[in-house]
């Protein structure tokens, strides 16, 4: 019995699921790429897959990102047909936080990437582990994954860091 279905849909849904209102379809992420599904969850396409012959992962991370050490596509947000994803480096212990933009309708990567590193108060310096975008203002946010105490905000589409706020712990 095969571990994965023909389209490897379980593999493609291990990180994040979000609705792409611009195309009326779902976008999902997994460690090595993104995938698209129809409104009723019919598979459309994916970047990356698991080779059924060898059992090896074929990464869907674009070469322009992989060449910079990115080996993980994690959380993302969709705004106006653009996927704002948080690629990072598993091998580098998540020390390479960025936000990268993809076309939500094609999964193409046009080359837009912005650094989102943590503040010196964060011992791990990994800020782009999750992303969120305020739908009204378009302001994007990134947050550390482990024990971080900063919240970064970015304007769109330039990616310029517009503010740094400290979490208040009670």
N, C-alpha and C. Protein backbone atom coordinates (compact mmCIF):
# COMPACT_ATOMS: atom_id res chain seq x y z
N UNK A 1 0.84 -1.18 0.00
CA UNK A 1 0.00 0.00 0.00
C UNK A 1 0.89 1.25 0.00
N UNK A 2 0.65 2.19 -0.91
CA UNK A 2 1.49 3.39 -0.97
C UNK A 2 1.28 4.28 0.26
N UNK A 3 2.37 4.91 0.68
CA UNK A 3 2.32 5.81 1.82
C UNK A 3 1.66 7.13 1.41
N UNK A 4 1.87 7.56 0.17
CA UNK A 4 1.32 8.82 -0.33
C UNK A 4 0.33 8.56 -1.45
N UNK A 5 -0.70 9.39 -1.56
CA UNK A 5 -1.59 9.28 -2.70
C UNK A 5 -0.86 9.81 -3.95
N UNK A 6 -1.47 9.65 -5.11
CA UNK A 6 -0.83 10.03 -6.37
C UNK A 6 -0.33 11.47 -6.39
N UNK A 7 -1.10 12.40 -5.82
CA UNK A 7 -0.72 13.81 -5.81
C UNK A 7 0.06 14.22 -4.57
N UNK A 8 0.28 13.29 -3.66
CA UNK A 8 1.04 13.53 -2.43
C UNK A 8 0.44 14.66 -1.60
N UNK A 9 -0.89 14.71 -1.57
CA UNK A 9 -1.56 15.83 -0.90
C UNK A 9 -1.28 15.91 0.59
N UNK A 10 -1.15 14.80 1.27
CA UNK A 10 -0.83 14.86 2.70
C UNK A 10 0.51 15.51 2.95
N UNK A 11 1.46 15.22 2.11
CA UNK A 11 2.79 15.81 2.21
C UNK A 11 2.74 17.31 2.01
N UNK A 12 1.88 17.76 1.12
CA UNK A 12 1.81 19.18 0.75
C UNK A 12 1.09 20.04 1.79
N UNK A 13 0.56 19.45 2.84
CA UNK A 13 -0.24 20.20 3.81
C UNK A 13 0.31 20.14 5.23
N UNK A 14 1.60 20.12 5.39
CA UNK A 14 2.16 19.94 6.72
C UNK A 14 2.57 21.22 7.44
N UNK A 15 2.48 22.38 6.79
CA UNK A 15 2.90 23.62 7.43
C UNK A 15 1.76 24.62 7.60
N UNK A 16 1.11 25.00 6.51
CA UNK A 16 0.10 26.06 6.57
C UNK A 16 -0.91 25.86 5.45
N UNK A 17 -2.13 26.29 5.68
CA UNK A 17 -3.20 26.30 4.68
C UNK A 17 -3.83 27.68 4.71
N UNK A 18 -4.02 28.29 3.53
CA UNK A 18 -4.65 29.61 3.46
C UNK A 18 -5.47 29.71 2.17
N UNK A 19 -6.48 30.53 2.21
CA UNK A 19 -7.38 30.75 1.08
C UNK A 19 -6.84 31.88 0.21
N UNK A 20 -6.72 31.63 -1.09
CA UNK A 20 -6.33 32.65 -2.06
C UNK A 20 -7.60 33.20 -2.71
N UNK A 21 -8.13 34.26 -2.15
CA UNK A 21 -9.39 34.83 -2.63
C UNK A 21 -9.28 35.33 -4.07
N UNK A 22 -8.11 35.75 -4.49
CA UNK A 22 -7.92 36.27 -5.85
C UNK A 22 -8.17 35.19 -6.91
N UNK A 23 -7.97 33.91 -6.56
CA UNK A 23 -8.15 32.82 -7.51
C UNK A 23 -9.18 31.79 -7.06
N UNK A 24 -9.81 32.03 -5.92
CA UNK A 24 -10.77 31.07 -5.35
C UNK A 24 -10.19 29.67 -5.23
N UNK A 25 -9.02 29.60 -4.60
CA UNK A 25 -8.39 28.30 -4.38
C UNK A 25 -7.57 28.33 -3.10
N UNK A 26 -7.19 27.13 -2.66
CA UNK A 26 -6.39 26.96 -1.46
C UNK A 26 -4.91 26.90 -1.82
N UNK A 27 -4.08 27.42 -0.93
CA UNK A 27 -2.63 27.29 -1.05
C UNK A 27 -2.16 26.66 0.26
N UNK A 28 -1.25 25.70 0.15
CA UNK A 28 -0.69 25.05 1.33
C UNK A 28 0.83 25.09 1.25
N UNK A 29 1.47 24.86 2.39
CA UNK A 29 2.93 24.79 2.38
C UNK A 29 3.39 23.55 3.12
N UNK A 30 4.58 23.13 2.79
CA UNK A 30 5.28 22.05 3.47
C UNK A 30 6.73 22.47 3.51
N UNK A 31 7.56 21.71 4.15
CA UNK A 31 8.95 22.15 4.34
C UNK A 31 9.63 22.52 3.03
N UNK A 32 9.37 21.80 1.96
CA UNK A 32 10.12 22.00 0.72
C UNK A 32 9.33 22.66 -0.40
N UNK A 33 8.22 23.33 -0.12
CA UNK A 33 7.51 23.99 -1.19
C UNK A 33 6.09 24.41 -0.86
N UNK A 34 5.36 24.73 -1.92
CA UNK A 34 3.98 25.19 -1.85
C UNK A 34 3.11 24.31 -2.75
N UNK A 35 1.80 24.34 -2.53
CA UNK A 35 0.86 23.60 -3.38
C UNK A 35 -0.43 24.38 -3.52
N UNK A 36 -1.15 24.11 -4.61
CA UNK A 36 -2.44 24.76 -4.88
C UNK A 36 -3.52 23.69 -5.02
N UNK A 37 -4.73 24.03 -4.52
CA UNK A 37 -5.88 23.13 -4.58
C UNK A 37 -7.11 23.94 -4.94
N UNK A 38 -8.07 23.30 -5.61
CA UNK A 38 -9.32 23.97 -5.93
C UNK A 38 -10.12 24.21 -4.65
N UNK A 39 -11.21 24.92 -4.78
CA UNK A 39 -12.08 25.22 -3.65
C UNK A 39 -12.55 23.95 -2.94
N UNK A 40 -12.76 22.86 -3.72
CA UNK A 40 -13.20 21.60 -3.13
C UNK A 40 -12.04 20.60 -2.96
N UNK A 41 -10.84 21.10 -2.83
CA UNK A 41 -9.63 20.36 -2.48
C UNK A 41 -9.15 19.38 -3.55
N UNK A 42 -9.38 19.72 -4.82
CA UNK A 42 -8.79 18.92 -5.89
C UNK A 42 -7.39 19.49 -6.17
N UNK A 43 -6.40 18.62 -6.25
CA UNK A 43 -5.02 19.02 -6.46
C UNK A 43 -4.84 19.74 -7.79
N UNK A 44 -4.12 20.87 -7.79
CA UNK A 44 -3.80 21.60 -9.02
C UNK A 44 -2.32 21.42 -9.35
N UNK A 45 -1.45 21.85 -8.46
CA UNK A 45 -0.01 21.72 -8.69
C UNK A 45 0.74 21.91 -7.39
N UNK A 46 1.99 21.50 -7.40
CA UNK A 46 2.85 21.67 -6.23
C UNK A 46 4.27 21.95 -6.68
N UNK A 47 4.98 22.66 -5.84
CA UNK A 47 6.42 22.80 -6.05
C UNK A 47 7.08 21.81 -5.10
N UNK A 48 7.86 20.92 -5.65
CA UNK A 48 8.51 19.88 -4.86
C UNK A 48 7.61 18.67 -4.70
N UNK A 49 8.25 17.54 -4.43
CA UNK A 49 7.52 16.29 -4.23
C UNK A 49 8.46 15.25 -3.65
N UNK A 50 7.92 14.12 -3.36
CA UNK A 50 8.70 12.97 -2.91
C UNK A 50 8.77 12.00 -4.09
N UNK A 51 9.96 11.65 -4.53
CA UNK A 51 10.13 10.73 -5.65
C UNK A 51 9.72 9.34 -5.20
N UNK A 52 8.65 8.76 -5.79
CA UNK A 52 8.16 7.46 -5.33
C UNK A 52 9.14 6.32 -5.60
N UNK A 53 10.01 6.48 -6.58
CA UNK A 53 10.98 5.43 -6.90
C UNK A 53 12.10 5.36 -5.85
N UNK A 54 12.58 6.53 -5.43
CA UNK A 54 13.72 6.56 -4.51
C UNK A 54 13.34 6.87 -3.08
N UNK A 55 12.13 7.45 -2.89
CA UNK A 55 11.72 7.88 -1.56
C UNK A 55 12.40 9.17 -1.13
N UNK A 56 13.13 9.80 -2.04
CA UNK A 56 13.85 11.04 -1.74
C UNK A 56 12.98 12.26 -2.02
N UNK A 57 13.17 13.29 -1.22
CA UNK A 57 12.46 14.54 -1.42
C UNK A 57 13.12 15.32 -2.56
N UNK A 58 12.30 15.83 -3.47
CA UNK A 58 12.75 16.73 -4.51
C UNK A 58 12.24 18.10 -4.11
N UNK A 59 13.13 18.96 -3.69
CA UNK A 59 12.73 20.26 -3.15
C UNK A 59 12.10 21.15 -4.22
N UNK A 60 11.08 21.88 -3.81
CA UNK A 60 10.44 22.86 -4.67
C UNK A 60 10.87 24.27 -4.31
N UNK A 61 11.84 24.39 -3.43
CA UNK A 61 12.35 25.72 -3.07
C UNK A 61 13.14 26.25 -4.26
N UNK A 62 12.79 27.44 -4.76
CA UNK A 62 13.48 27.98 -5.93
C UNK A 62 14.99 28.06 -5.70
N UNK A 63 15.76 27.83 -6.77
CA UNK A 63 17.22 27.85 -6.68
C UNK A 63 17.74 29.16 -6.11
N UNK A 64 17.09 30.26 -6.45
CA UNK A 64 17.53 31.57 -5.94
C UNK A 64 17.46 31.64 -4.42
N UNK A 65 16.55 30.89 -3.81
CA UNK A 65 16.46 30.81 -2.35
C UNK A 65 17.35 29.70 -1.80
N UNK A 66 17.31 28.54 -2.43
CA UNK A 66 18.13 27.41 -1.98
C UNK A 66 19.62 27.76 -2.01
N UNK A 67 20.05 28.52 -3.02
CA UNK A 67 21.46 28.91 -3.13
C UNK A 67 21.89 29.83 -1.99
N UNK A 68 20.93 30.43 -1.31
CA UNK A 68 21.22 31.29 -0.15
C UNK A 68 21.07 30.52 1.16
N UNK A 69 20.89 29.21 1.07
CA UNK A 69 20.83 28.38 2.25
C UNK A 69 19.43 28.07 2.76
N UNK A 70 18.40 28.54 2.08
CA UNK A 70 17.03 28.27 2.53
C UNK A 70 16.66 26.83 2.20
N UNK A 71 16.22 26.09 3.22
CA UNK A 71 15.82 24.70 3.02
C UNK A 71 14.49 24.39 3.70
N UNK A 72 13.73 25.43 3.98
CA UNK A 72 12.46 25.24 4.70
C UNK A 72 11.48 26.36 4.31
N UNK A 73 10.30 25.98 3.83
CA UNK A 73 9.21 26.93 3.62
C UNK A 73 8.22 26.65 4.73
N UNK A 74 7.97 27.61 5.57
CA UNK A 74 7.09 27.38 6.70
C UNK A 74 5.78 28.12 6.57
N UNK A 75 5.53 28.96 7.50
CA UNK A 75 4.28 29.72 7.56
C UNK A 75 4.22 30.72 6.40
N UNK A 76 3.01 31.13 6.05
CA UNK A 76 2.84 32.16 5.03
C UNK A 76 1.49 32.83 5.21
N UNK A 77 1.34 33.92 4.53
CA UNK A 77 0.07 34.66 4.49
C UNK A 77 -0.16 35.04 3.03
N UNK A 78 -1.42 35.15 2.63
CA UNK A 78 -1.75 35.58 1.27
C UNK A 78 -2.44 36.92 1.33
N UNK A 79 -1.98 37.85 0.53
CA UNK A 79 -2.62 39.17 0.41
C UNK A 79 -2.55 39.58 -1.05
N UNK A 80 -3.70 39.90 -1.63
CA UNK A 80 -3.78 40.37 -3.01
C UNK A 80 -3.09 39.44 -4.01
N UNK A 81 -3.27 38.13 -3.82
CA UNK A 81 -2.73 37.16 -4.76
C UNK A 81 -1.24 36.89 -4.62
N UNK A 82 -0.64 37.37 -3.55
CA UNK A 82 0.78 37.15 -3.30
C UNK A 82 0.95 36.33 -2.02
N UNK A 83 1.73 35.26 -2.11
CA UNK A 83 2.08 34.46 -0.93
C UNK A 83 3.31 35.12 -0.31
N UNK A 84 3.20 35.49 0.96
CA UNK A 84 4.32 36.03 1.72
C UNK A 84 4.75 34.92 2.68
N UNK A 85 5.79 34.19 2.29
CA UNK A 85 6.23 33.02 3.03
C UNK A 85 7.46 33.33 3.86
N UNK A 86 7.71 32.46 4.83
CA UNK A 86 8.86 32.66 5.73
C UNK A 86 9.88 31.55 5.56
N UNK A 87 10.67 31.60 4.48
CA UNK A 87 11.71 30.57 4.31
C UNK A 87 12.80 30.74 5.36
N UNK A 88 13.40 29.63 5.72
CA UNK A 88 14.48 29.67 6.71
C UNK A 88 15.38 28.48 6.45
N UNK A 89 16.34 28.27 7.33
CA UNK A 89 17.34 27.23 7.15
C UNK A 89 17.32 26.26 8.32
N UNK A 90 16.75 25.08 8.10
CA UNK A 90 16.75 24.04 9.13
C UNK A 90 18.19 23.71 9.49
N UNK A 91 19.02 23.53 8.45
CA UNK A 91 20.42 23.16 8.67
C UNK A 91 21.15 24.19 9.51
N UNK A 92 20.80 25.46 9.36
CA UNK A 92 21.45 26.53 10.12
C UNK A 92 20.75 26.86 11.41
N UNK A 93 19.92 25.94 11.92
CA UNK A 93 19.19 26.12 13.17
C UNK A 93 18.31 27.37 13.15
N UNK A 94 17.67 27.61 12.01
CA UNK A 94 16.71 28.70 11.85
C UNK A 94 17.32 30.07 12.17
N UNK A 95 18.48 30.33 11.63
CA UNK A 95 19.16 31.61 11.86
C UNK A 95 19.11 32.52 10.64
N UNK A 96 18.28 32.22 9.64
CA UNK A 96 18.30 32.93 8.36
C UNK A 96 16.91 33.44 7.99
N UNK A 97 16.21 34.08 8.95
CA UNK A 97 14.82 34.48 8.76
C UNK A 97 14.61 35.52 7.67
N UNK A 98 13.71 35.23 6.78
CA UNK A 98 13.35 36.13 5.68
C UNK A 98 11.86 36.01 5.38
N UNK A 99 11.36 36.91 4.57
CA UNK A 99 10.04 36.80 3.97
C UNK A 99 10.26 36.83 2.47
N UNK A 100 9.70 35.86 1.77
CA UNK A 100 9.81 35.79 0.31
C UNK A 100 8.42 35.81 -0.29
N UNK A 101 8.28 36.45 -1.44
CA UNK A 101 6.97 36.58 -2.09
C UNK A 101 6.87 35.66 -3.30
N UNK A 102 5.72 34.97 -3.40
CA UNK A 102 5.43 34.07 -4.51
C UNK A 102 4.09 34.47 -5.12
N UNK A 103 3.90 34.21 -6.39
CA UNK A 103 2.60 34.40 -7.04
C UNK A 103 1.69 33.27 -6.57
N UNK A 104 0.60 33.60 -5.91
CA UNK A 104 -0.28 32.57 -5.34
C UNK A 104 -0.99 31.74 -6.40
N UNK A 105 -1.15 32.27 -7.62
CA UNK A 105 -1.86 31.54 -8.67
C UNK A 105 -0.96 30.65 -9.51
N UNK A 106 0.36 30.83 -9.42
CA UNK A 106 1.28 30.02 -10.20
C UNK A 106 2.38 29.39 -9.36
N UNK A 107 2.54 29.86 -8.13
CA UNK A 107 3.60 29.47 -7.21
C UNK A 107 4.98 29.93 -7.68
N UNK A 108 5.00 30.78 -8.70
CA UNK A 108 6.28 31.30 -9.22
C UNK A 108 6.92 32.24 -8.21
N UNK A 109 8.23 32.21 -8.18
CA UNK A 109 9.01 33.09 -7.31
C UNK A 109 9.70 34.15 -8.17
N UNK A 110 9.21 35.39 -8.11
CA UNK A 110 9.80 36.45 -8.95
C UNK A 110 11.08 37.05 -8.39
N UNK A 111 11.50 36.60 -7.23
CA UNK A 111 12.78 37.06 -6.69
C UNK A 111 12.68 38.04 -5.54
N UNK A 112 11.49 38.34 -5.05
CA UNK A 112 11.34 39.29 -3.95
C UNK A 112 11.59 38.58 -2.62
N UNK A 113 12.60 39.08 -1.88
CA UNK A 113 12.98 38.48 -0.60
C UNK A 113 13.44 39.60 0.31
N UNK A 114 13.02 39.52 1.60
CA UNK A 114 13.36 40.56 2.56
C UNK A 114 13.80 39.93 3.87
N UNK A 115 14.90 40.40 4.41
CA UNK A 115 15.41 39.89 5.67
C UNK A 115 14.47 40.27 6.82
N UNK A 116 14.26 39.34 7.73
CA UNK A 116 13.45 39.58 8.93
C UNK A 116 14.13 38.92 10.12
N UNK A 117 15.29 39.42 10.48
CA UNK A 117 16.05 38.83 11.57
C UNK A 117 15.58 39.38 12.91
N UNK A 118 15.77 38.60 13.95
CA UNK A 118 15.35 38.98 15.29
C UNK A 118 16.28 40.02 15.91
N UNK A 119 15.81 40.60 16.96
CA UNK A 119 16.59 41.60 17.70
C UNK A 119 17.63 40.91 18.56
N UNK A 120 18.60 41.67 19.04
CA UNK A 120 19.66 41.10 19.87
C UNK A 120 19.13 40.51 21.18
N UNK A 121 17.94 40.92 21.59
CA UNK A 121 17.35 40.36 22.81
C UNK A 121 16.85 38.93 22.60
N UNK A 122 16.73 38.51 21.35
CA UNK A 122 16.29 37.16 21.02
C UNK A 122 17.53 36.29 20.86
N UNK A 123 17.70 35.33 21.72
CA UNK A 123 18.91 34.51 21.69
C UNK A 123 19.04 33.66 20.43
N UNK A 124 17.95 33.44 19.70
CA UNK A 124 18.02 32.61 18.49
C UNK A 124 18.04 33.43 17.21
N UNK A 125 17.65 34.67 17.26
CA UNK A 125 17.65 35.55 16.08
C UNK A 125 16.82 35.02 14.91
N UNK A 126 15.74 34.31 15.18
CA UNK A 126 14.93 33.75 14.10
C UNK A 126 13.54 34.39 14.11
N UNK A 127 13.37 35.45 13.33
CA UNK A 127 12.11 36.19 13.46
C UNK A 127 11.05 35.81 12.45
N UNK A 128 11.37 35.30 11.31
CA UNK A 128 10.35 35.11 10.28
C UNK A 128 9.69 33.73 10.33
N UNK A 129 9.69 33.10 11.46
CA UNK A 129 9.13 31.77 11.56
C UNK A 129 7.63 31.77 11.30
N UNK A 130 6.94 32.81 11.69
CA UNK A 130 5.55 32.94 11.25
C UNK A 130 5.34 34.33 10.71
N UNK A 131 4.38 34.44 9.82
CA UNK A 131 4.05 35.73 9.22
C UNK A 131 2.55 35.94 9.28
N UNK A 132 2.16 37.19 9.36
CA UNK A 132 0.75 37.57 9.32
C UNK A 132 0.66 38.93 8.66
N UNK A 133 -0.43 39.18 7.96
CA UNK A 133 -0.65 40.47 7.31
C UNK A 133 -2.00 41.01 7.74
N UNK A 134 -1.99 42.23 8.22
CA UNK A 134 -3.24 42.91 8.57
C UNK A 134 -3.98 43.19 7.28
N UNK A 135 -5.19 42.64 7.09
CA UNK A 135 -5.90 42.81 5.82
C UNK A 135 -6.30 44.24 5.53
N UNK A 136 -6.45 45.06 6.54
CA UNK A 136 -6.86 46.45 6.31
C UNK A 136 -5.70 47.36 6.00
N UNK A 137 -4.60 47.23 6.73
CA UNK A 137 -3.46 48.13 6.53
C UNK A 137 -2.41 47.57 5.59
N UNK A 138 -2.39 46.24 5.40
CA UNK A 138 -1.36 45.61 4.60
C UNK A 138 -0.04 45.46 5.32
N UNK A 139 0.00 45.84 6.59
CA UNK A 139 1.22 45.73 7.36
C UNK A 139 1.48 44.25 7.68
N UNK A 140 2.72 43.81 7.42
CA UNK A 140 3.08 42.42 7.67
C UNK A 140 3.85 42.30 8.97
N UNK A 141 3.72 41.14 9.62
CA UNK A 141 4.38 40.90 10.89
C UNK A 141 5.14 39.58 10.84
N UNK A 142 6.22 39.51 11.59
CA UNK A 142 6.98 38.29 11.74
C UNK A 142 7.35 38.11 13.20
N UNK A 143 7.45 36.87 13.63
CA UNK A 143 7.70 36.59 15.05
C UNK A 143 8.64 35.42 15.18
N UNK A 144 9.52 35.47 16.20
CA UNK A 144 10.42 34.37 16.47
C UNK A 144 9.66 33.10 16.83
N UNK A 145 10.29 31.98 16.60
CA UNK A 145 9.67 30.70 16.91
C UNK A 145 9.91 30.31 18.36
N UNK A 146 11.13 30.45 18.84
CA UNK A 146 11.45 29.93 20.17
C UNK A 146 12.01 31.00 21.09
N UNK A 147 11.30 31.27 22.16
CA UNK A 147 11.77 32.14 23.23
C UNK A 147 12.10 33.55 22.79
N UNK A 148 11.60 33.98 21.67
CA UNK A 148 11.85 35.34 21.22
C UNK A 148 10.96 36.33 21.94
N UNK A 149 11.40 37.57 21.99
CA UNK A 149 10.61 38.58 22.67
C UNK A 149 10.39 39.82 21.81
N UNK A 150 10.50 39.66 20.50
CA UNK A 150 10.27 40.80 19.61
C UNK A 150 9.22 40.46 18.56
N UNK A 151 8.56 41.48 18.08
CA UNK A 151 7.62 41.38 16.99
C UNK A 151 8.08 42.38 15.95
N UNK A 152 8.29 41.93 14.71
CA UNK A 152 8.74 42.82 13.64
C UNK A 152 7.54 43.11 12.76
N UNK A 153 7.48 44.32 12.25
CA UNK A 153 6.46 44.64 11.27
C UNK A 153 7.13 45.16 10.02
N UNK A 154 6.50 44.88 8.88
CA UNK A 154 7.04 45.28 7.59
C UNK A 154 5.94 45.93 6.77
N UNK A 155 6.32 46.90 5.97
CA UNK A 155 5.37 47.44 5.02
C UNK A 155 5.42 46.58 3.77
N UNK A 156 4.36 46.61 2.98
CA UNK A 156 4.33 45.90 1.71
C UNK A 156 4.27 46.93 0.60
N UNK A 157 4.80 46.74 -0.57
CA UNK A 157 5.50 45.54 -1.00
C UNK A 157 7.02 45.62 -0.86
N UNK A 158 7.55 46.72 -0.38
CA UNK A 158 9.00 46.88 -0.35
C UNK A 158 9.67 46.01 0.68
N UNK A 159 8.97 45.67 1.73
CA UNK A 159 9.54 44.84 2.76
C UNK A 159 10.36 45.62 3.77
N UNK A 160 10.33 46.93 3.70
CA UNK A 160 11.11 47.73 4.65
C UNK A 160 10.58 47.53 6.06
N UNK A 161 11.48 47.29 6.99
CA UNK A 161 11.06 47.13 8.37
C UNK A 161 10.59 48.48 8.88
N UNK A 162 9.36 48.54 9.34
CA UNK A 162 8.79 49.82 9.75
C UNK A 162 8.76 50.00 11.25
N UNK A 163 8.86 48.94 12.01
CA UNK A 163 8.80 49.09 13.47
C UNK A 163 9.32 47.84 14.14
N UNK A 164 9.80 48.00 15.33
CA UNK A 164 10.17 46.87 16.17
C UNK A 164 9.48 47.08 17.51
N UNK A 165 8.77 46.08 17.96
CA UNK A 165 8.06 46.18 19.23
C UNK A 165 8.51 45.03 20.10
N UNK A 166 8.56 45.28 21.38
CA UNK A 166 8.90 44.20 22.32
C UNK A 166 7.63 43.63 22.90
N UNK A 167 7.58 42.30 23.01
CA UNK A 167 6.47 41.65 23.69
C UNK A 167 6.57 41.97 25.18
N UNK A 168 5.46 42.20 25.77
CA UNK A 168 5.41 42.39 27.21
C UNK A 168 4.98 41.06 27.82
N UNK A 169 5.83 40.51 28.65
CA UNK A 169 5.49 39.24 29.31
C UNK A 169 4.95 39.53 30.69
N UNK A 170 3.84 38.87 31.03
CA UNK A 170 3.27 39.08 32.37
C UNK A 170 3.56 37.90 33.25
